[in-house]
Amino acid sequence: MYNVHWLPMHLVCHPCFLDYDVIGKYETFDADIDYVMQRINADGVLTFPHFAPHGTNSSSIDIIKRYYNRLTKHEIQQLYEKYEWDFKLFGYEYPSDLGIG
């Protein structure tokens, strides 16, 4: 049985079948929230807590590299194949494009 948190997102939110106005990302959460607040004319009226993705000074790419470097090339390929549509639909790069693996 799958934990929904590990399912490919395209199977959970169906971006090809639903006409979303906004698809936010973890990496751009604050900017996405600001955009939504402006779009619904709530900027300055409502506040949304700002999001801190991690408590280190590491960049996202540093964190990604640290995790991917623990995997074999075969495991990275399997991971990509499982989440291939998510990579494509949501604008993520294949790990080898990031100098990983």
C-alpha atoms as a PDB file:
ATOM      1  CA  MET A   1       0.000   0.000   0.000  1.00  0.00           C
ATOM      2  CA  TYR A   2       1.300   3.440  -0.944  1.00  0.00           C
ATOM      3  CA  ASN A   3       1.636   6.372   1.385  1.00  0.00           C
ATOM      4  CA  VAL A   4       0.022   9.266  -0.521  1.00  0.00           C
ATOM      5  CA  HIS A   5       3.003  11.475   0.336  1.00  0.00           C
ATOM      6  CA  TRP A   6       5.265   9.305  -1.824  1.00  0.00           C
ATOM      7  CA  LEU A   7       2.930   8.956  -4.797  1.00  0.00           C
ATOM      8  CA  PRO A   8       3.899  10.833  -7.940  1.00  0.00           C
ATOM      9  CA  MET A   9       2.093  14.189  -7.728  1.00  0.00           C
ATOM     10  CA  HIS A  10       0.537  13.836 -11.171  1.00  0.00           C
ATOM     11  CA  LEU A  11      -1.414  10.859  -9.777  1.00  0.00           C
ATOM     12  CA  VAL A  12      -2.590  12.853  -6.755  1.00  0.00           C
ATOM     13  CA  CYS A  13      -3.520  16.242  -8.189  1.00  0.00           C
ATOM     14  CA  HIS A  14      -4.232  15.317 -11.843  1.00  0.00           C
ATOM     15  CA  PRO A  15      -2.752  18.442 -13.511  1.00  0.00           C
ATOM     16  CA  CYS A  16      -3.642  17.169 -16.973  1.00  0.00           C
ATOM     17  CA  PHE A  17      -7.340  16.859 -16.150  1.00  0.00           C
ATOM     18  CA  LEU A  18      -7.959  19.852 -13.889  1.00  0.00           C
ATOM     19  CA  ASP A  19      -7.508  23.467 -14.870  1.00  0.00           C
ATOM     20  CA  TYR A  20      -5.528  24.857 -11.948  1.00  0.00           C
ATOM     21  CA  ASP A  21      -5.052  28.607 -11.657  1.00  0.00           C
ATOM     22  CA  VAL A  22      -1.862  28.159  -9.626  1.00  0.00           C
ATOM     23  CA  ILE A  23       0.447  25.262  -8.934  1.00  0.00           C
ATOM     24  CA  GLY A  24       2.777  26.184  -6.093  1.00  0.00           C
ATOM     25  CA  LYS A  25       6.067  24.553  -5.264  1.00  0.00           C
ATOM     26  CA  TYR A  26       7.785  23.837  -1.999  1.00  0.00           C
ATOM     27  CA  GLU A  27      10.886  25.641  -3.251  1.00  0.00           C
ATOM     28  CA  THR A  28       8.995  28.853  -4.100  1.00  0.00           C
ATOM     29  CA  PHE A  29       6.350  28.702  -1.381  1.00  0.00           C
ATOM     30  CA  ASP A  30       6.634  32.314  -0.156  1.00  0.00           C
ATOM     31  CA  ALA A  31       6.579  33.781  -3.669  1.00  0.00           C
ATOM     32  CA  ASP A  32       3.665  31.529  -4.616  1.00  0.00           C
ATOM     33  CA  ILE A  33       1.672  32.614  -1.554  1.00  0.00           C
ATOM     34  CA  ASP A  34       2.407  36.275  -2.315  1.00  0.00           C
ATOM     35  CA  TYR A  35       1.148  35.724  -5.871  1.00  0.00           C
ATOM     36  CA  VAL A  36      -2.068  34.057  -4.680  1.00  0.00           C
ATOM     37  CA  MET A  37      -2.703  36.793  -2.114  1.00  0.00           C
ATOM     38  CA  GLN A  38      -2.326  39.452  -4.809  1.00  0.00           C
ATOM     39  CA  ARG A  39      -4.473  37.479  -7.233  1.00  0.00           C
ATOM     40  CA  ILE A  40      -7.376  37.273  -4.758  1.00  0.00           C
ATOM     41  CA  ASN A  41      -6.910  40.920  -3.736  1.00  0.00           C
ATOM     42  CA  ALA A  42      -5.966  39.924  -0.209  1.00  0.00           C
ATOM     43  CA  ASP A  43      -2.482  41.413  -0.263  1.00  0.00           C
ATOM     44  CA  GLY A  44      -2.223  43.626   2.804  1.00  0.00           C
ATOM     45  CA  VAL A  45      -5.594  42.399   4.090  1.00  0.00           C
ATOM     46  CA  LEU A  46      -4.711  38.833   5.022  1.00  0.00           C
ATOM     47  CA  THR A  47      -1.384  37.551   6.187  1.00  0.00           C
ATOM     48  CA  PHE A  48       0.073  34.149   5.662  1.00  0.00           C
ATOM     49  CA  PRO A  49       2.958  32.880   7.800  1.00  0.00           C
ATOM     50  CA  HIS A  50       6.235  32.883   5.924  1.00  0.00           C
ATOM     51  CA  PHE A  51       7.749  29.517   5.256  1.00  0.00           C
ATOM     52  CA  ALA A  52      11.292  28.437   6.116  1.00  0.00           C
ATOM     53  CA  PRO A  53      12.045  25.285   4.095  1.00  0.00           C
ATOM     54  CA  HIS A  54      15.066  24.296   6.184  1.00  0.00           C
ATOM     55  CA  GLY A  55      17.027  25.642   9.092  1.00  0.00           C
ATOM     56  CA  THR A  56      20.466  25.466   7.491  1.00  0.00           C
ATOM     57  CA  ASN A  57      22.285  27.921   5.314  1.00  0.00           C
ATOM     58  CA  SER A  58      22.573  25.280   2.584  1.00  0.00           C
ATOM     59  CA  SER A  59      21.052  26.072  -0.769  1.00  0.00           C
ATOM     60  CA  SER A  60      18.412  23.746  -2.139  1.00  0.00           C
ATOM     61  CA  ILE A  61      20.895  22.455  -4.706  1.00  0.00           C
ATOM     62  CA  ASP A  62      23.365  21.580  -1.930  1.00  0.00           C
ATOM     63  CA  ILE A  63      20.703  19.561  -0.143  1.00  0.00           C
ATOM     64  CA  ILE A  64      19.630  17.827  -3.362  1.00  0.00           C
ATOM     65  CA  LYS A  65      23.241  16.944  -4.199  1.00  0.00           C
ATOM     66  CA  ARG A  66      23.842  15.587  -0.707  1.00  0.00           C
ATOM     67  CA  TYR A  67      20.888  13.202  -0.984  1.00  0.00           C
ATOM     68  CA  TYR A  68      21.452  12.164  -4.603  1.00  0.00           C
ATOM     69  CA  ASN A  69      25.129  11.443  -3.926  1.00  0.00           C
ATOM     70  CA  ARG A  70      24.029   8.698  -1.536  1.00  0.00           C
ATOM     71  CA  LEU A  71      22.391   6.847  -4.434  1.00  0.00           C
ATOM     72  CA  THR A  72      23.844   4.749  -7.217  1.00  0.00           C
ATOM     73  CA  LYS A  73      23.314   5.845 -10.826  1.00  0.00           C
ATOM     74  CA  HIS A  74      20.871   2.952 -11.195  1.00  0.00           C
ATOM     75  CA  GLU A  75      18.863   4.115  -8.167  1.00  0.00           C
ATOM     76  CA  ILE A  76      18.766   7.673  -9.528  1.00  0.00           C
ATOM     77  CA  GLN A  77      17.483   6.341 -12.859  1.00  0.00           C
ATOM     78  CA  GLN A  78      14.786   4.299 -11.072  1.00  0.00           C
ATOM     79  CA  LEU A  79      13.765   7.348  -9.049  1.00  0.00           C
ATOM     80  CA  TYR A  80      13.542   9.447 -12.197  1.00  0.00           C
ATOM     81  CA  GLU A  81      11.475   6.800 -13.986  1.00  0.00           C
ATOM     82  CA  LYS A  82       9.013   6.640 -11.079  1.00  0.00           C
ATOM     83  CA  TYR A  83       8.600  10.434 -10.987  1.00  0.00           C
ATOM     84  CA  GLU A  84       9.334  11.203 -14.661  1.00  0.00           C
ATOM     85  CA  TRP A  85       6.033  12.980 -15.310  1.00  0.00           C
ATOM     86  CA  ASP A  86       6.434  15.043 -12.156  1.00  0.00           C
ATOM     87  CA  PHE A  87       9.901  16.118 -13.316  1.00  0.00           C
ATOM     88  CA  LYS A  88       8.499  17.143 -16.690  1.00  0.00           C
ATOM     89  CA  LEU A  89       5.216  18.708 -15.573  1.00  0.00           C
ATOM     90  CA  PHE A  90       6.623  20.700 -12.689  1.00  0.00           C
ATOM     91  CA  GLY A  91       9.897  21.867 -14.226  1.00  0.00           C
ATOM     92  CA  TYR A  92      12.461  19.776 -12.371  1.00  0.00           C
ATOM     93  CA  GLU A  93      15.768  18.797 -13.951  1.00  0.00           C
ATOM     94  CA  TYR A  94      17.024  15.261 -14.370  1.00  0.00           C
ATOM     95  CA  PRO A  95      19.722  14.808 -11.703  1.00  0.00           C
ATOM     96  CA  SER A  96      22.567  14.368 -14.235  1.00  0.00           C
ATOM     97  CA  ASP A  97      21.749  17.886 -15.482  1.00  0.00           C
ATOM     98  CA  LEU A  98      22.672  19.084 -11.996  1.00  0.00           C
ATOM     99  CA  GLY A  99      26.087  17.407 -12.017  1.00  0.00           C
ATOM    100  CA  ILE A 100      24.907  14.602  -9.709  1.00  0.00           C
ATOM    101  CA  GLY A 101      25.528  10.902  -9.971  1.00  0.00           C
END
